[in-house]
Protein backbone atom coordinates (compact mmCIF):
# COMPACT_ATOMS: atom_id res chain seq x y z
CA MET A 1 -0.17 0.11 -0.02
CA PRO A 2 1.35 3.36 -0.76
CA HIS A 3 2.89 5.49 2.14
CA SER A 4 0.37 7.53 4.10
CA ASN A 5 1.98 10.62 3.21
CA CYS A 6 1.90 9.87 -0.74
CA SER A 7 -0.95 12.34 -1.43
CA VAL A 8 1.70 15.26 -1.14
CA CYS A 9 4.25 13.53 -3.30
CA ARG A 10 2.69 14.85 -6.81
CA PRO A 11 0.88 17.72 -7.76
CA PRO A 12 -2.88 17.34 -7.90
CA THR A 13 -2.64 17.72 -11.74
CA THR A 14 -0.39 15.98 -14.24
CA SER A 15 2.46 18.56 -15.02
CA PHE A 16 5.67 19.06 -17.30
CA SER A 17 8.02 21.43 -15.77
CA GLN A 18 10.78 21.09 -18.71
CA ARG A 19 11.21 23.93 -21.14
CA PRO A 20 9.06 23.02 -24.31
CA ILE A 21 10.96 21.79 -27.37
CA GLY A 22 10.78 24.51 -29.66
CA THR A 23 11.65 23.53 -33.23
CA VAL A 24 12.17 19.93 -34.98
CA GLY A 25 15.94 20.64 -35.03
CA ALA A 26 15.90 20.70 -31.25
CA LEU A 27 13.91 17.61 -31.27
CA ALA A 28 16.42 15.87 -33.62
CA ARG A 29 19.24 16.76 -31.49
CA MET A 30 17.51 15.16 -28.54
CA LEU A 31 16.69 12.16 -30.46
CA GLN A 32 20.22 12.02 -32.06
CA HIS A 33 19.18 11.90 -35.64
CA PRO A 34 19.58 14.49 -38.35
CA VAL A 35 16.28 16.55 -39.19
CA ASP A 36 15.84 14.82 -42.58
CA GLU A 37 16.62 11.29 -41.13
CA LEU A 38 14.09 11.89 -38.22
CA GLU A 39 11.26 13.05 -40.65
CA ARG A 40 12.18 9.91 -42.92
CA ILE A 41 11.78 7.72 -39.85
CA ALA A 42 8.74 9.42 -38.76
CA ALA A 43 7.00 9.13 -42.31
CA THR A 44 7.77 5.46 -42.45
CA ALA A 45 7.07 4.52 -38.70
CA ASP A 46 3.96 2.55 -39.34
CA GLN A 47 6.02 -0.21 -41.09
CA ARG A 48 8.52 -0.19 -38.12
CA TYR A 49 6.66 -2.83 -36.07
CA ARG A 50 6.06 -6.21 -35.59
CA ILE A 51 3.50 -8.12 -33.63
CA GLY A 52 4.94 -9.42 -30.23
CA LYS A 53 2.06 -11.18 -28.85
CA ARG A 54 -1.63 -11.91 -29.37
CA GLU A 55 -3.92 -12.64 -26.31
CA LEU A 56 -7.81 -13.69 -26.63
CA LYS A 57 -9.67 -11.55 -24.12
CA ARG A 58 -12.73 -12.49 -22.16
CA ASP A 59 -14.95 -10.46 -24.45
CA GLY A 60 -13.82 -12.42 -27.41
CA THR A 61 -11.62 -9.75 -28.84
CA TRP A 62 -7.70 -9.85 -29.44
CA ARG A 63 -5.14 -7.97 -27.54
CA ILE A 64 -2.39 -7.35 -29.66
CA CYS A 65 0.92 -6.23 -28.49
CA TYR A 66 3.60 -4.59 -30.84
CA ASP A 67 7.44 -4.23 -30.52
CA ALA A 68 9.03 -1.39 -32.44
CA LEU A 69 11.91 -2.37 -34.49
CA GLY A 70 15.58 -1.16 -34.98
CA VAL A 71 15.82 2.65 -34.74
CA LEU A 72 12.26 3.58 -33.81
CA LYS A 73 12.65 1.27 -30.72
CA SER A 74 15.72 3.30 -29.74
CA ILE A 75 13.99 6.68 -30.76
CA GLN A 76 10.97 5.62 -28.45
CA ALA A 77 13.23 4.70 -25.69
CA ARG A 78 14.78 8.18 -25.74
CA ILE A 79 11.10 9.90 -25.88
CA GLN A 80 10.38 7.69 -22.73
CA CYS A 81 13.51 8.72 -21.02
CA LEU A 82 13.87 12.53 -21.86
CA ILE A 83 10.45 13.63 -22.10
CA LEU A 84 7.59 11.12 -20.81
CA ARG A 85 9.46 10.35 -17.48
CA LYS A 86 9.95 14.01 -17.04
CA VAL A 87 6.13 14.66 -16.32
CA GLY A 88 4.95 14.69 -12.71
CA TYR A 89 2.10 12.36 -12.69
CA PRO A 90 -0.32 12.56 -9.84
CA LEU A 91 -0.87 9.47 -7.43
CA TYR A 92 -4.08 8.55 -8.97
CA LEU A 93 -2.44 7.56 -12.13
CA GLN A 94 -0.91 4.07 -11.42
CA GLY A 95 0.40 2.85 -14.85
CA SER A 96 3.96 2.35 -15.77
CA ILE A 97 5.17 5.38 -13.54
CA LYS A 98 8.62 4.79 -11.96
CA ASP A 99 8.11 6.18 -8.44
CA PRO A 100 10.55 5.27 -5.81
CA VAL A 101 8.78 7.51 -3.05
CA CYS A 102 5.24 6.16 -3.70
CA PRO A 103 5.36 2.93 -6.06
CA ARG A 104 2.86 2.56 -8.49
CA GLY A 105 1.48 -0.45 -10.13
CA GLN A 106 -1.47 -3.20 -9.96
CA LYS A 107 -0.66 -3.49 -6.03
CA ALA A 108 -0.40 -0.02 -5.24
CA ASN A 109 -3.39 0.68 -7.01
CA ALA A 110 -5.65 -1.86 -5.21
CA GLY A 111 -4.21 -0.91 -1.96
CA MET A 112 -5.74 2.58 -2.26
CA HIS A 113 -9.00 0.64 -2.23
CA VAL A 114 -8.75 -1.87 0.64
CA ARG A 115 -11.45 -2.02 3.38
CA LYS A 116 -14.01 0.07 1.52
CA ARG A 117 -17.72 0.03 1.87
CA VAL A 118 -18.49 0.74 -1.68
CA LEU A 119 -16.26 -0.11 -4.70
CA ILE A 120 -16.88 0.64 -8.52
CA SER A 121 -14.76 -0.47 -11.32
CA GLU A 122 -14.79 0.13 -15.12
CA ASP A 123 -12.64 -0.65 -18.05
CA ILE A 124 -12.22 1.35 -21.20
CA LYS A 125 -13.14 -0.66 -24.35
CA GLN A 126 -10.26 -1.36 -26.76
CA PHE A 127 -8.12 1.38 -25.22
CA PHE A 128 -4.96 1.35 -27.10
CA PRO A 129 -6.60 1.05 -30.42
CA SER A 130 -9.06 3.65 -29.55
CA VAL A 131 -6.80 6.15 -28.87
CA THR A 132 -6.09 7.99 -32.22
CA SER A 133 -3.57 9.98 -33.61
CA PRO A 134 -5.45 13.45 -33.07
CA VAL A 135 -5.63 12.63 -29.22
CA ILE A 136 -2.00 11.95 -28.97
CA PHE A 137 -1.10 15.19 -31.23
CA ASP A 138 -3.25 17.10 -28.56
CA ILE A 139 -1.03 15.73 -25.86
CA TRP A 140 2.06 16.69 -27.52
CA HIS A 141 0.74 20.28 -28.71
CA ARG A 142 -1.33 21.20 -25.80
CA PHE A 143 -0.22 19.31 -22.77
CA PHE A 144 3.63 19.51 -23.52
CA ARG A 145 3.17 22.77 -25.29
CA PHE A 146 5.37 21.68 -28.25
CA PRO A 147 4.60 23.69 -31.74
CA PRO A 148 2.64 21.75 -34.35
CA PRO A 149 5.59 20.51 -36.54
CA VAL A 150 7.39 18.96 -33.46
CA ALA A 151 3.99 17.51 -32.14
CA GLU A 152 3.24 16.19 -35.63
CA ILE A 153 6.79 14.13 -35.75
CA LEU A 154 6.35 12.92 -32.19
CA THR A 155 2.72 11.74 -32.93
CA LYS A 156 3.98 9.67 -35.91
CA LEU A 157 6.93 8.39 -33.98
CA THR A 158 4.49 6.97 -31.14
CA THR A 159 1.46 5.74 -33.21
CA LYS A 160 0.86 3.18 -35.72
CA ASP A 161 -1.75 3.10 -38.23
CA GLY A 162 -3.55 6.13 -36.63
CA ALA A 163 -3.77 4.67 -33.11
CA LEU A 164 -1.68 4.20 -30.01
CA PRO A 165 0.14 0.69 -30.44
CA GLN A 166 0.09 -1.44 -27.13
CA GLY A 167 3.33 -2.81 -25.78
CA THR A 168 5.70 0.06 -26.69
CA LYS A 169 8.10 1.95 -24.69
CA THR A 170 5.86 5.35 -24.96
CA SER A 171 2.46 3.89 -25.15
CA ALA A 172 1.84 3.20 -21.44
CA LEU A 173 2.87 6.54 -20.34
CA LEU A 174 0.89 8.23 -22.90
CA THR A 175 -2.09 6.63 -21.87
CA ASN A 176 -1.75 8.54 -18.38
CA LEU A 177 -1.94 11.73 -20.43
CA VAL A 178 -5.02 10.93 -22.40
CA PHE A 179 -7.65 12.65 -19.95
CA TRP A 180 -4.91 15.26 -18.88
CA GLU A 181 -7.33 18.16 -19.37
CA HIS A 182 -10.54 17.00 -17.45
CA GLU A 183 -9.25 13.82 -15.34
CA TRP A 184 -8.01 16.15 -12.39
CA ARG A 185 -11.45 17.90 -12.29
CA VAL A 186 -13.19 14.62 -11.84
CA VAL A 187 -10.80 13.39 -9.16
CA ALA A 188 -11.11 16.86 -7.22
CA ASP A 189 -14.94 16.75 -7.26
CA PHE A 190 -14.90 13.07 -6.09
CA HIS A 191 -12.28 13.84 -3.39
CA GLU A 192 -14.68 16.55 -1.94
CA ARG A 193 -17.14 13.82 -1.83
CA GLY A 194 -14.80 11.32 -0.14
CA ILE A 195 -14.52 8.93 -3.02
CA THR A 196 -11.07 7.55 -3.90
CA TYR A 197 -10.23 7.34 -7.68
CA THR A 198 -7.45 5.54 -9.50
CA ARG A 199 -6.61 4.49 -12.93
CA LEU A 200 -4.28 1.82 -13.96
CA ILE A 201 -4.04 2.25 -17.88
CA ASP A 202 -7.68 1.40 -18.88
CA ASP A 203 -8.85 0.38 -15.52
CA ILE A 204 -10.69 2.97 -13.31
CA THR A 205 -11.57 2.13 -9.98
CA CYS A 206 -13.68 4.31 -7.50
CA SER A 207 -14.37 3.66 -3.79
CA THR A 208 -15.47 4.98 -0.60
CA ALA A 209 -15.47 4.45 3.20
CA ARG A 210 -19.09 5.06 3.25
CA ASP A 211 -22.33 3.95 1.71
CA LEU A 212 -23.56 5.44 -1.24
CA THR A 213 -26.94 6.25 -2.52
CA THR A 214 -28.22 5.09 -5.82
CA LEU A 215 -28.32 8.63 -6.86
CA GLU A 216 -24.66 9.33 -5.93
CA ILE A 217 -23.43 6.21 -7.77
CA THR A 218 -25.42 7.16 -11.04
CA ARG A 219 -23.84 10.60 -10.97
CA LEU A 220 -20.43 9.01 -10.45
CA ILE A 221 -20.83 6.91 -13.27
CA GLU A 222 -22.12 9.57 -15.42
CA ALA A 223 -19.08 11.76 -14.71
CA LEU A 224 -16.86 8.67 -15.65
CA HIS A 225 -18.65 8.34 -18.92
CA ALA A 226 -18.64 12.12 -19.87
CA MET A 227 -14.88 12.18 -19.36
CA VAL A 228 -14.07 8.95 -21.31
CA ARG A 229 -16.54 10.40 -24.21
CA ARG A 230 -14.74 13.53 -24.63
CA LYS A 231 -11.79 11.55 -26.16
CA GLY A 232 -13.99 9.15 -28.20
CA LEU A 233 -13.91 6.42 -26.06
CA ARG A 234 -16.28 4.06 -24.16
CA PHE A 235 -16.42 1.51 -21.43
CA ASN A 236 -16.18 -2.20 -22.00
CA HIS A 237 -19.15 -3.32 -20.14
CA LYS A 238 -21.50 -2.65 -17.37
CA GLN A 239 -19.83 -1.47 -14.44
CA ASP A 240 -18.88 -3.58 -11.47
CA ILE A 241 -20.52 -2.29 -8.12
CA ALA A 242 -19.61 -4.08 -4.94
CA ARG A 243 -20.95 -3.03 -1.61
CA ALA A 244 -20.58 -3.68 1.99
CA GLY A 245 -20.46 -7.54 2.35
CA ASP A 246 -19.61 -8.21 -1.28
CA ARG A 247 -16.24 -9.40 -2.50
CA LYS A 248 -14.39 -6.46 -3.80
CA VAL A 249 -11.98 -6.67 -6.69
CA ALA A 250 -9.48 -3.84 -7.69
CA THR A 251 -7.44 -4.38 -10.96
CA LYS A 252 -8.13 -8.24 -10.37
CA LEU A 253 -6.95 -8.23 -6.76
CA ILE A 254 -9.21 -8.83 -3.88
CA VAL A 255 -9.27 -5.66 -1.56
CA ASN A 256 -11.85 -6.68 1.16
CA ALA A 257 -9.26 -6.95 4.15
CA LYS A 258 -5.90 -6.70 2.11
CA THR A 259 -4.74 -6.96 -1.21
CA GLY A 260 -4.53 -10.71 -2.53
CA LEU A 261 -5.04 -12.83 -5.74
CA PRO A 262 -8.69 -14.42 -6.11
CA VAL A 263 -9.06 -17.91 -4.53
CA GLU A 264 -9.68 -19.24 -8.08
CA LYS A 265 -6.35 -17.75 -9.50
CA ARG A 266 -4.29 -19.17 -6.59
CA SER A 267 -6.14 -22.44 -7.28
CA ALA A 268 -5.27 -22.51 -10.69
CA ILE A 269 -1.46 -21.85 -10.21
CA ARG A 270 -1.50 -24.44 -7.74
CA ALA A 271 -3.12 -26.83 -10.07
CA ALA A 272 -0.71 -26.05 -12.98
CA VAL A 273 2.46 -26.68 -10.75
CA ALA A 274 0.80 -30.10 -9.64
CA GLN A 275 0.06 -31.05 -13.40
CA LEU A 276 3.82 -30.12 -14.42
CA ARG A 277 5.00 -32.27 -11.59
CA ARG A 278 2.98 -35.31 -12.67
CA ARG A 279 4.62 -35.25 -16.11
CA PRO A 280 7.29 -37.80 -16.87
CA GLN A 281 10.89 -37.35 -16.43
CA THR A 282 11.55 -37.69 -20.44
CA ALA A 283 8.97 -34.71 -21.06
CA ARG A 284 11.60 -32.45 -19.44
CA SER A 285 13.79 -32.78 -22.67
CA THR A 286 11.15 -31.12 -24.90
CA PRO A 287 10.80 -27.67 -26.03
CA ALA A 288 6.88 -27.94 -25.11
CA TYR A 289 7.89 -28.87 -21.43
CA ALA A 290 10.30 -25.93 -21.37
CA ARG A 291 7.79 -23.42 -22.73
CA ASP A 292 5.14 -24.66 -19.81
CA TYR A 293 7.89 -24.60 -17.26
CA TYR A 294 8.55 -20.88 -17.74
CA ARG A 295 4.99 -19.82 -18.15
CA ILE A 296 4.02 -21.34 -14.88
CA SER A 297 7.25 -20.14 -13.20
CA GLY A 298 6.02 -16.60 -14.27
CA GLN A 299 2.63 -17.30 -12.67
CA VAL A 300 4.32 -18.51 -9.41
CA ALA A 301 6.36 -15.16 -9.44
CA TYR A 302 3.25 -13.27 -9.93
CA LEU A 303 1.71 -15.20 -6.51
CA GLN A 304 4.87 -14.66 -4.69
CA GLN A 305 4.21 -10.76 -5.10
CA HIS A 306 0.96 -11.16 -3.06
CA HIS A 307 1.16 -14.23 -1.20
CA PRO A 308 5.15 -14.84 -0.54
CA ASN A 309 4.78 -17.93 1.67
CA GLU A 310 2.46 -19.75 -0.62
CA GLY A 311 4.66 -18.73 -3.75
CA ALA A 312 7.63 -19.97 -1.90
CA ARG A 313 6.51 -23.20 -1.71
CA HIS A 314 5.46 -23.58 -5.05
CA ARG A 315 9.04 -22.31 -6.08
CA GLU A 316 10.69 -24.77 -4.25
CA VAL A 317 8.82 -27.49 -6.20
CA LEU A 318 9.72 -25.76 -9.45
CA THR A 319 13.39 -25.91 -8.74
CA GLY A 320 13.22 -29.75 -8.65
CA LEU A 321 11.44 -29.65 -12.37
CA ARG A 322 13.61 -27.61 -14.39
CA PRO A 323 13.63 -28.34 -18.02
CA LEU A 324 16.46 -30.12 -19.63
CA VAL A 325 16.54 -27.93 -22.54
CA PRO A 326 17.29 -24.33 -22.98
CA HIS A 327 14.23 -21.79 -23.01
CA ARG A 328 13.73 -20.16 -26.46
């Protein structure tokens, strides 16, 4: 859970205190490429990706992650380091932000909603592919105050086919800025009414230590939908509302008494380890076994973050089940 004094660690609004990049030449120097070369890379950026991972989601749609290739990947790394990581992100933003004072991420996000009476969660439908180039241009131009020629090149360098590609070095941090103009107003209004608001990329969670009336819940949800619609986005499905006595889940973690994985997730990991243990010794020499082993090892590592003792027991079992071929 974040430190008790984290509310003062960041300004209430997202801010950028560096001097704006005033010319394409200055941007080119920062990114260590001549102007003509940078413009050529930006013009062909859409072709400089490969699909890194495809995952079928619960709603039947595919989550497609991309890897930037070659020089575009190194340019995005510099944009991430020299621009996006110079932003002051308020505590209600929890996605992909390095913060040694107030750690961010799934567990920290969920920790802000522990032991609440009411919890409301929504997730934005097809967030990354729905964040369009005009939205990203607006971030570079109006939030960072970069002139249009600079904003245009940065937009081309950080989007693919007119949208934000999931999985790149710049995309997750840019999602924190999508609602920069309006989100802080929603948060301030909620704070006045004793409502805690957080956003982890596309997952929005609101909670209160008191009961809310039906009218209050309706107005809260209307405020969220209005904010999201301003950017041409919409929520994925009907919101989840948990009241006193219900099981409460924030960004896939149980938050009733403390943060933790749902019982069914822990059971699935335990079953996967047991199934691996039952496989014959000869299987350990196959690439298929190696793939399964490292996939399950990743699940156990995730379990250890939230249930250290339980995860350590599974890790001990896995130590004796290592594959006999290298992982590729």
